[in-house]
C-alpha atoms as a PDB file:
ATOM      1  CA  MET A   1      22.313 -14.459  23.018  1.00  0.00           C
ATOM      2  CA  LYS A   2      21.410 -11.386  24.500  1.00  0.00           C
ATOM      3  CA  ALA A   3      17.487 -10.400  24.053  1.00  0.00           C
ATOM      4  CA  LYS A   4      18.684  -6.769  22.468  1.00  0.00           C
ATOM      5  CA  ASP A   5      21.001  -9.152  19.775  1.00  0.00           C
ATOM      6  CA  ALA A   6      17.234 -10.656  19.413  1.00  0.00           C
ATOM      7  CA  ASP A   7      15.462  -7.750  19.297  1.00  0.00           C
ATOM      8  CA  TRP A   8      17.694  -6.064  16.704  1.00  0.00           C
ATOM      9  CA  GLY A   9      17.335  -8.784  14.376  1.00  0.00           C
ATOM     10  CA  TYR A  10      13.792  -9.001  14.585  1.00  0.00           C
ATOM     11  CA  LYS A  11      13.471  -4.486  13.617  1.00  0.00           C
ATOM     12  CA  ASP A  12      16.183  -5.478  11.201  1.00  0.00           C
ATOM     13  CA  ALA A  13      14.677  -8.340   9.371  1.00  0.00           C
ATOM     14  CA  ARG A  14      10.747  -6.163  10.084  1.00  0.00           C
ATOM     15  CA  GLN A  15      11.873  -3.056   8.188  1.00  0.00           C
ATOM     16  CA  GLU A  16      13.517  -5.846   5.282  1.00  0.00           C
ATOM     17  CA  PHE A  17      10.207  -7.109   4.797  1.00  0.00           C
ATOM     18  CA  ASN A  18       8.438  -3.649   4.664  1.00  0.00           C
ATOM     19  CA  ASP A  19      10.773  -2.082   1.985  1.00  0.00           C
ATOM     20  CA  ALA A  20      10.048  -5.689   0.423  1.00  0.00           C
ATOM     21  CA  MET A  21       5.940  -4.533   0.433  1.00  0.00           C
ATOM     22  CA  ALA A  22       6.527  -1.251  -0.300  1.00  0.00           C
ATOM     23  CA  GLN A  23       8.686  -2.321  -3.503  1.00  0.00           C
ATOM     24  CA  GLU A  24       6.027  -4.550  -4.689  1.00  0.00           C
ATOM     25  CA  PHE A  25       2.979  -2.495  -4.377  1.00  0.00           C
ATOM     26  CA  ASN A  26       5.046   0.422  -6.092  1.00  0.00           C
ATOM     27  CA  TYR A  27       5.417  -2.456  -8.653  1.00  0.00           C
ATOM     28  CA  ILE A  28       1.833  -3.330  -8.783  1.00  0.00           C
ATOM     29  CA  TYR A  29       0.088  -0.055  -8.284  1.00  0.00           C
ATOM     30  CA  GLY A  30       3.059   2.313  -9.510  1.00  0.00           C
ATOM     31  CA  THR A  31       3.963   5.767  -7.761  1.00  0.00           C
ATOM     32  CA  ASP A  32       2.710   8.239 -10.243  1.00  0.00           C
ATOM     33  CA  LEU A  33      -0.369   9.520  -7.580  1.00  0.00           C
ATOM     34  CA  GLU A  34      -1.734  11.159 -10.600  1.00  0.00           C
ATOM     35  CA  ASP A  35      -2.486   8.289 -12.794  1.00  0.00           C
ATOM     36  CA  ILE A  36      -5.815   7.506 -12.848  1.00  0.00           C
ATOM     37  CA  ASN A  37      -5.256   4.318 -14.295  1.00  0.00           C
ATOM     38  CA  SER A  38      -2.888   2.972 -10.914  1.00  0.00           C
ATOM     39  CA  TRP A  39      -6.077   4.938  -8.890  1.00  0.00           C
ATOM     40  CA  LYS A  40      -8.911   2.411 -10.815  1.00  0.00           C
ATOM     41  CA  ASN A  41      -7.027  -0.678 -10.112  1.00  0.00           C
ATOM     42  CA  LEU A  42      -6.010   0.033  -6.812  1.00  0.00           C
ATOM     43  CA  CYS A  43      -9.994   0.459  -6.183  1.00  0.00           C
ATOM     44  CA  LYS A  44     -10.681  -2.484  -7.857  1.00  0.00           C
ATOM     45  CA  ALA A  45      -7.778  -4.503  -5.870  1.00  0.00           C
ATOM     46  CA  LEU A  46     -10.319  -3.136  -2.809  1.00  0.00           C
ATOM     47  CA  ARG A  47     -13.470  -4.449  -4.545  1.00  0.00           C
ATOM     48  CA  ILE A  48     -14.818  -0.887  -4.786  1.00  0.00           C
ATOM     49  CA  ILE A  49     -18.231  -0.974  -6.639  1.00  0.00           C
ATOM     50  CA  PRO A  50     -18.648   0.863  -8.830  1.00  0.00           C
ATOM     51  CA  ILE A  51     -15.300   2.322  -9.466  1.00  0.00           C
ATOM     52  CA  PRO A  52     -14.810   6.196  -9.301  1.00  0.00           C
ATOM     53  CA  GLN A  53     -14.327   7.704 -12.303  1.00  0.00           C
ATOM     54  CA  GLY A  54     -12.157  10.642 -11.092  1.00  0.00           C
ATOM     55  CA  LEU A  55      -8.791  10.680  -9.880  1.00  0.00           C
ATOM     56  CA  GLU A  56     -10.042  12.442  -5.974  1.00  0.00           C
ATOM     57  CA  GLU A  57     -12.934  10.502  -6.248  1.00  0.00           C
ATOM     58  CA  CYS A  58     -10.424   7.196  -6.147  1.00  0.00           C
ATOM     59  CA  GLN A  59      -8.094   8.210  -3.905  1.00  0.00           C
ATOM     60  CA  ASP A  60     -10.624   9.853  -1.113  1.00  0.00           C
ATOM     61  CA  VAL A  61     -12.392   6.230  -1.651  1.00  0.00           C
ATOM     62  CA  SER A  62      -9.366   4.516  -1.393  1.00  0.00           C
ATOM     63  CA  THR A  63      -7.922   6.301   1.666  1.00  0.00           C
ATOM     64  CA  LEU A  64     -11.149   5.585   3.640  1.00  0.00           C
ATOM     65  CA  VAL A  65     -11.218   1.902   2.953  1.00  0.00           C
ATOM     66  CA  CYS A  66      -7.364   1.635   3.729  1.00  0.00           C
ATOM     67  CA  SER A  67      -8.069   3.578   7.390  1.00  0.00           C
ATOM     68  CA  LEU A  68     -10.550   1.566   8.171  1.00  0.00           C
ATOM     69  CA  ASN A  69      -8.578  -1.848   8.064  1.00  0.00           C
END
């Protein structure tokens, strides 16, 4: 097996993994960016205390925490 063939297998598997992760995230938290309950659930999963009450605050703090990781 050539290195090029092995590399293609890795890239394909990595893409499938990324797709599966995105589907799982969407299943758990939804795809509606305006759904405050989805954002609050994400803040809860990220252990943000207190959980912000407004949509924009949830989005801001979630984005900040995720960018730090």
